[in-house]
Amino acid sequence: MQSTAFLDDLQQRVSALFAGTPAADLQRNLKAMLAQQFGRLELATREEFDTQAQVLARTRAKLEALERRVAELEAGRSIGPSPQPSPARGEGEVGAAGPR
């Protein structure tokens, strides 16, 4: 925590030094340019990132629970291939009426 206080103090001192020089204008211009570029990147805040990480964790847990449930249901079914649905009338028939 002391390192952040030191850095804040250093920033204030440097800012005070530059306040009356052309470097202050340069700093303002640079800060505005960086803010504009970061705005174009559409970055997420840490809070937004953490929220989405929590949503993802809950979704993953639900998915795993559903996968376990499906596996249980499949294990409870009779063993063997599932019946194939019969093709619709006229589909797959050899020698069916051709174009007229």
N, C-alpha and C. Protein backbone atom coordinates (compact mmCIF):
# COMPACT_ATOMS: atom_id res chain seq x y z
N MET A 1 0.83 -1.18 0.00
CA MET A 1 0.00 0.00 0.00
C MET A 1 0.87 1.24 0.00
N GLN A 2 2.06 1.18 0.60
CA GLN A 2 2.94 2.33 0.65
C GLN A 2 3.47 2.70 -0.72
N SER A 3 3.66 1.70 -1.58
CA SER A 3 4.18 1.98 -2.91
C SER A 3 3.19 2.82 -3.71
N THR A 4 1.90 2.58 -3.54
CA THR A 4 0.91 3.39 -4.26
C THR A 4 0.89 4.81 -3.73
N ALA A 5 1.06 4.98 -2.42
CA ALA A 5 1.12 6.33 -1.86
C ALA A 5 2.35 7.06 -2.39
N PHE A 6 3.46 6.34 -2.48
CA PHE A 6 4.69 6.94 -3.01
C PHE A 6 4.50 7.35 -4.46
N LEU A 7 3.88 6.49 -5.26
CA LEU A 7 3.65 6.79 -6.66
C LEU A 7 2.68 7.96 -6.83
N ASP A 8 1.66 8.01 -6.00
CA ASP A 8 0.73 9.15 -6.06
C ASP A 8 1.43 10.45 -5.73
N ASP A 9 2.28 10.42 -4.70
CA ASP A 9 3.03 11.61 -4.31
C ASP A 9 3.98 12.03 -5.42
N LEU A 10 4.65 11.08 -6.03
CA LEU A 10 5.57 11.37 -7.13
C LEU A 10 4.82 11.98 -8.31
N GLN A 11 3.67 11.44 -8.62
CA GLN A 11 2.86 11.98 -9.72
C GLN A 11 2.44 13.42 -9.43
N GLN A 12 2.05 13.70 -8.21
CA GLN A 12 1.65 15.06 -7.85
C GLN A 12 2.82 16.03 -7.98
N ARG A 13 3.98 15.61 -7.54
CA ARG A 13 5.17 16.48 -7.63
C ARG A 13 5.56 16.75 -9.07
N VAL A 14 5.53 15.72 -9.90
CA VAL A 14 5.88 15.88 -11.31
C VAL A 14 4.84 16.76 -12.00
N SER A 15 3.57 16.56 -11.68
CA SER A 15 2.52 17.38 -12.25
C SER A 15 2.69 18.84 -11.86
N ALA A 16 3.08 19.10 -10.62
CA ALA A 16 3.31 20.47 -10.16
C ALA A 16 4.48 21.10 -10.91
N LEU A 17 5.50 20.31 -11.19
CA LEU A 17 6.66 20.81 -11.94
C LEU A 17 6.27 21.20 -13.37
N PHE A 18 5.46 20.38 -13.99
CA PHE A 18 5.09 20.60 -15.39
C PHE A 18 3.97 21.60 -15.57
N ALA A 19 3.29 21.99 -14.50
CA ALA A 19 2.10 22.83 -14.61
C ALA A 19 2.35 24.13 -15.37
N GLY A 20 3.48 24.75 -15.19
CA GLY A 20 3.74 26.03 -15.83
C GLY A 20 4.56 25.93 -17.10
N THR A 21 4.72 24.75 -17.67
CA THR A 21 5.58 24.58 -18.85
C THR A 21 4.76 24.06 -20.03
N PRO A 22 5.34 24.13 -21.22
CA PRO A 22 4.65 23.55 -22.38
C PRO A 22 4.43 22.04 -22.24
N ALA A 23 5.16 21.43 -21.34
CA ALA A 23 4.97 19.98 -21.12
C ALA A 23 3.58 19.69 -20.59
N ALA A 24 2.97 20.64 -19.89
CA ALA A 24 1.61 20.45 -19.37
C ALA A 24 0.63 20.33 -20.53
N ASP A 25 0.80 21.17 -21.56
CA ASP A 25 -0.06 21.06 -22.74
C ASP A 25 0.14 19.72 -23.43
N LEU A 26 1.39 19.32 -23.52
CA LEU A 26 1.71 18.03 -24.13
C LEU A 26 1.05 16.89 -23.35
N GLN A 27 1.10 16.99 -22.03
CA GLN A 27 0.51 15.95 -21.19
C GLN A 27 -1.01 15.89 -21.40
N ARG A 28 -1.66 17.06 -21.44
CA ARG A 28 -3.11 17.08 -21.66
C ARG A 28 -3.47 16.51 -23.03
N ASN A 29 -2.71 16.90 -24.04
CA ASN A 29 -2.98 16.39 -25.38
C ASN A 29 -2.76 14.87 -25.46
N LEU A 30 -1.70 14.41 -24.83
CA LEU A 30 -1.40 12.98 -24.83
C LEU A 30 -2.49 12.22 -24.09
N LYS A 31 -2.93 12.75 -22.96
CA LYS A 31 -3.97 12.11 -22.17
C LYS A 31 -5.27 12.03 -22.98
N ALA A 32 -5.62 13.11 -23.68
CA ALA A 32 -6.84 13.12 -24.50
C ALA A 32 -6.73 12.11 -25.65
N MET A 33 -5.57 12.06 -26.27
CA MET A 33 -5.37 11.13 -27.38
C MET A 33 -5.47 9.67 -26.90
N LEU A 34 -4.85 9.38 -25.76
CA LEU A 34 -4.91 8.02 -25.22
C LEU A 34 -6.34 7.65 -24.84
N ALA A 35 -7.07 8.58 -24.23
CA ALA A 35 -8.45 8.31 -23.85
C ALA A 35 -9.29 8.01 -25.09
N GLN A 36 -9.05 8.75 -26.17
CA GLN A 36 -9.78 8.52 -27.40
C GLN A 36 -9.45 7.14 -27.98
N GLN A 37 -8.19 6.77 -27.99
CA GLN A 37 -7.79 5.47 -28.54
C GLN A 37 -8.33 4.32 -27.69
N PHE A 38 -8.28 4.48 -26.37
CA PHE A 38 -8.82 3.42 -25.51
C PHE A 38 -10.32 3.30 -25.68
N GLY A 39 -10.99 4.42 -25.94
CA GLY A 39 -12.43 4.39 -26.18
C GLY A 39 -12.77 3.59 -27.43
N ARG A 40 -11.94 3.66 -28.44
CA ARG A 40 -12.17 2.91 -29.68
C ARG A 40 -11.97 1.41 -29.49
N LEU A 41 -11.16 1.04 -28.52
CA LEU A 41 -10.88 -0.38 -28.30
C LEU A 41 -12.03 -1.12 -27.64
N GLU A 42 -13.00 -0.39 -27.11
CA GLU A 42 -14.14 -1.00 -26.43
C GLU A 42 -13.69 -1.97 -25.34
N LEU A 43 -12.83 -1.51 -24.47
CA LEU A 43 -12.32 -2.34 -23.39
C LEU A 43 -13.36 -2.48 -22.29
N ALA A 44 -13.34 -3.60 -21.61
CA ALA A 44 -14.24 -3.84 -20.49
C ALA A 44 -13.54 -3.44 -19.20
N THR A 45 -14.34 -2.94 -18.27
CA THR A 45 -13.77 -2.61 -16.96
C THR A 45 -13.53 -3.90 -16.20
N ARG A 46 -12.77 -3.83 -15.16
CA ARG A 46 -12.49 -5.01 -14.34
C ARG A 46 -13.78 -5.55 -13.74
N GLU A 47 -14.66 -4.65 -13.33
CA GLU A 47 -15.94 -5.06 -12.74
C GLU A 47 -16.77 -5.83 -13.77
N GLU A 48 -16.83 -5.33 -15.00
CA GLU A 48 -17.57 -6.03 -16.05
C GLU A 48 -16.95 -7.39 -16.34
N PHE A 49 -15.64 -7.44 -16.38
CA PHE A 49 -14.94 -8.71 -16.63
C PHE A 49 -15.24 -9.71 -15.52
N ASP A 50 -15.16 -9.27 -14.27
CA ASP A 50 -15.43 -10.17 -13.14
C ASP A 50 -16.87 -10.68 -13.17
N THR A 51 -17.81 -9.79 -13.52
CA THR A 51 -19.21 -10.19 -13.61
C THR A 51 -19.39 -11.26 -14.68
N GLN A 52 -18.79 -11.06 -15.85
CA GLN A 52 -18.91 -12.04 -16.92
C GLN A 52 -18.23 -13.36 -16.55
N ALA A 53 -17.14 -13.29 -15.81
CA ALA A 53 -16.46 -14.51 -15.37
C ALA A 53 -17.37 -15.31 -14.42
N GLN A 54 -18.10 -14.61 -13.55
CA GLN A 54 -19.04 -15.28 -12.65
C GLN A 54 -20.18 -15.92 -13.43
N VAL A 55 -20.71 -15.19 -14.41
CA VAL A 55 -21.79 -15.73 -15.25
C VAL A 55 -21.30 -16.98 -15.97
N LEU A 56 -20.08 -16.92 -16.51
CA LEU A 56 -19.52 -18.07 -17.21
C LEU A 56 -19.36 -19.27 -16.27
N ALA A 57 -18.91 -19.03 -15.06
CA ALA A 57 -18.72 -20.12 -14.10
C ALA A 57 -20.06 -20.78 -13.76
N ARG A 58 -21.11 -19.96 -13.56
CA ARG A 58 -22.43 -20.52 -13.27
C ARG A 58 -22.96 -21.31 -14.47
N THR A 59 -22.76 -20.77 -15.67
CA THR A 59 -23.22 -21.45 -16.87
C THR A 59 -22.50 -22.77 -17.07
N ARG A 60 -21.20 -22.76 -16.81
CA ARG A 60 -20.41 -23.99 -16.95
C ARG A 60 -20.90 -25.05 -15.95
N ALA A 61 -21.20 -24.62 -14.72
CA ALA A 61 -21.69 -25.56 -13.71
C ALA A 61 -23.04 -26.15 -14.14
N LYS A 62 -23.93 -25.32 -14.68
CA LYS A 62 -25.22 -25.82 -15.15
C LYS A 62 -25.04 -26.79 -16.30
N LEU A 63 -24.14 -26.48 -17.22
CA LEU A 63 -23.87 -27.37 -18.34
C LEU A 63 -23.36 -28.72 -17.86
N GLU A 64 -22.44 -28.71 -16.92
CA GLU A 64 -21.91 -29.97 -16.40
C GLU A 64 -23.00 -30.78 -15.72
N ALA A 65 -23.90 -30.11 -14.99
CA ALA A 65 -25.00 -30.81 -14.33
C ALA A 65 -25.94 -31.42 -15.38
N LEU A 66 -26.22 -30.67 -16.44
CA LEU A 66 -27.07 -31.20 -17.50
C LEU A 66 -26.41 -32.37 -18.23
N GLU A 67 -25.11 -32.28 -18.45
CA GLU A 67 -24.40 -33.40 -19.09
C GLU A 67 -24.46 -34.65 -18.23
N ARG A 68 -24.31 -34.48 -16.90
CA ARG A 68 -24.42 -35.64 -15.99
C ARG A 68 -25.84 -36.22 -16.05
N ARG A 69 -26.83 -35.35 -16.08
CA ARG A 69 -28.22 -35.80 -16.12
C ARG A 69 -28.51 -36.57 -17.41
N VAL A 70 -28.05 -36.06 -18.53
CA VAL A 70 -28.24 -36.74 -19.82
C VAL A 70 -27.55 -38.10 -19.79
N ALA A 71 -26.35 -38.16 -19.23
CA ALA A 71 -25.64 -39.44 -19.14
C ALA A 71 -26.41 -40.43 -18.28
N GLU A 72 -27.01 -39.95 -17.19
CA GLU A 72 -27.82 -40.83 -16.33
C GLU A 72 -29.05 -41.33 -17.09
N LEU A 73 -29.70 -40.45 -17.81
CA LEU A 73 -30.89 -40.86 -18.56
C LEU A 73 -30.53 -41.85 -19.66
N GLU A 74 -29.42 -41.60 -20.34
CA GLU A 74 -28.99 -42.52 -21.39
C GLU A 74 -28.61 -43.87 -20.81
N ALA A 75 -28.00 -43.88 -19.63
CA ALA A 75 -27.61 -45.14 -19.00
C ALA A 75 -28.85 -45.92 -18.58
N GLY A 76 -29.93 -45.23 -18.27
CA GLY A 76 -31.16 -45.89 -17.84
C GLY A 76 -31.96 -46.48 -18.99
N ARG A 77 -31.71 -46.04 -20.20
CA ARG A 77 -32.41 -46.57 -21.37
C ARG A 77 -31.91 -47.97 -21.68
N SER A 78 -32.68 -48.70 -22.48
CA SER A 78 -32.25 -50.04 -22.86
C SER A 78 -30.98 -49.93 -23.71
N ILE A 79 -30.11 -50.90 -23.56
CA ILE A 79 -28.87 -50.89 -24.31
C ILE A 79 -29.15 -51.36 -25.72
N GLY A 80 -28.59 -50.68 -26.66
CA GLY A 80 -28.78 -51.03 -28.06
C GLY A 80 -28.98 -49.77 -28.87
N PRO A 81 -28.90 -49.93 -30.19
CA PRO A 81 -29.05 -48.74 -31.03
C PRO A 81 -30.48 -48.22 -30.96
N SER A 82 -30.60 -46.94 -31.08
CA SER A 82 -31.93 -46.35 -31.08
C SER A 82 -32.59 -46.63 -32.42
N PRO A 83 -33.90 -46.79 -32.44
CA PRO A 83 -34.58 -47.10 -33.70
C PRO A 83 -34.43 -45.93 -34.67
N GLN A 84 -34.23 -46.30 -35.94
CA GLN A 84 -34.08 -45.29 -36.98
C GLN A 84 -35.47 -44.91 -37.47
N PRO A 85 -35.74 -43.63 -37.64
CA PRO A 85 -37.05 -43.24 -38.17
C PRO A 85 -37.16 -43.70 -39.61
N SER A 86 -38.36 -44.12 -39.99
CA SER A 86 -38.56 -44.57 -41.37
C SER A 86 -38.58 -43.36 -42.29
N PRO A 87 -38.06 -43.52 -43.51
CA PRO A 87 -38.04 -42.38 -44.43
C PRO A 87 -39.45 -42.00 -44.82
N ALA A 88 -39.62 -40.76 -45.13
CA ALA A 88 -40.93 -40.26 -45.55
C ALA A 88 -41.30 -40.89 -46.88
N ARG A 89 -42.57 -40.94 -47.16
CA ARG A 89 -43.04 -41.60 -48.38
C ARG A 89 -42.41 -40.96 -49.61
N GLY A 90 -41.84 -41.77 -50.46
CA GLY A 90 -41.24 -41.29 -51.69
C GLY A 90 -39.77 -40.94 -51.55
N GLU A 91 -39.26 -40.83 -50.35
CA GLU A 91 -37.85 -40.50 -50.16
C GLU A 91 -37.04 -41.78 -50.12
N GLY A 92 -35.96 -41.82 -50.83
CA GLY A 92 -35.06 -42.94 -50.78
C GLY A 92 -35.55 -44.18 -51.50
N GLU A 93 -36.68 -44.11 -52.17
CA GLU A 93 -37.20 -45.26 -52.89
C GLU A 93 -36.55 -45.33 -54.26
N VAL A 94 -36.08 -46.52 -54.61
CA VAL A 94 -35.48 -46.71 -55.91
C VAL A 94 -36.62 -46.99 -56.89
N GLY A 95 -36.55 -46.36 -58.04
CA GLY A 95 -37.55 -46.59 -59.07
C GLY A 95 -38.83 -45.82 -58.83
N ALA A 96 -38.79 -44.83 -57.96
CA ALA A 96 -39.97 -44.02 -57.73
C ALA A 96 -40.28 -43.27 -59.00
N ALA A 97 -41.47 -42.82 -59.11
CA ALA A 97 -41.87 -42.10 -60.32
C ALA A 97 -40.96 -40.93 -60.56
N GLY A 98 -40.47 -40.81 -61.77
CA GLY A 98 -39.57 -39.72 -62.13
C GLY A 98 -40.33 -38.50 -62.55
N PRO A 99 -39.62 -37.52 -63.08
CA PRO A 99 -40.28 -36.30 -63.50
C PRO A 99 -41.19 -36.57 -64.68
N ARG A 100 -42.25 -35.87 -64.77
CA ARG A 100 -43.24 -36.07 -65.84
C ARG A 100 -43.16 -34.98 -66.84
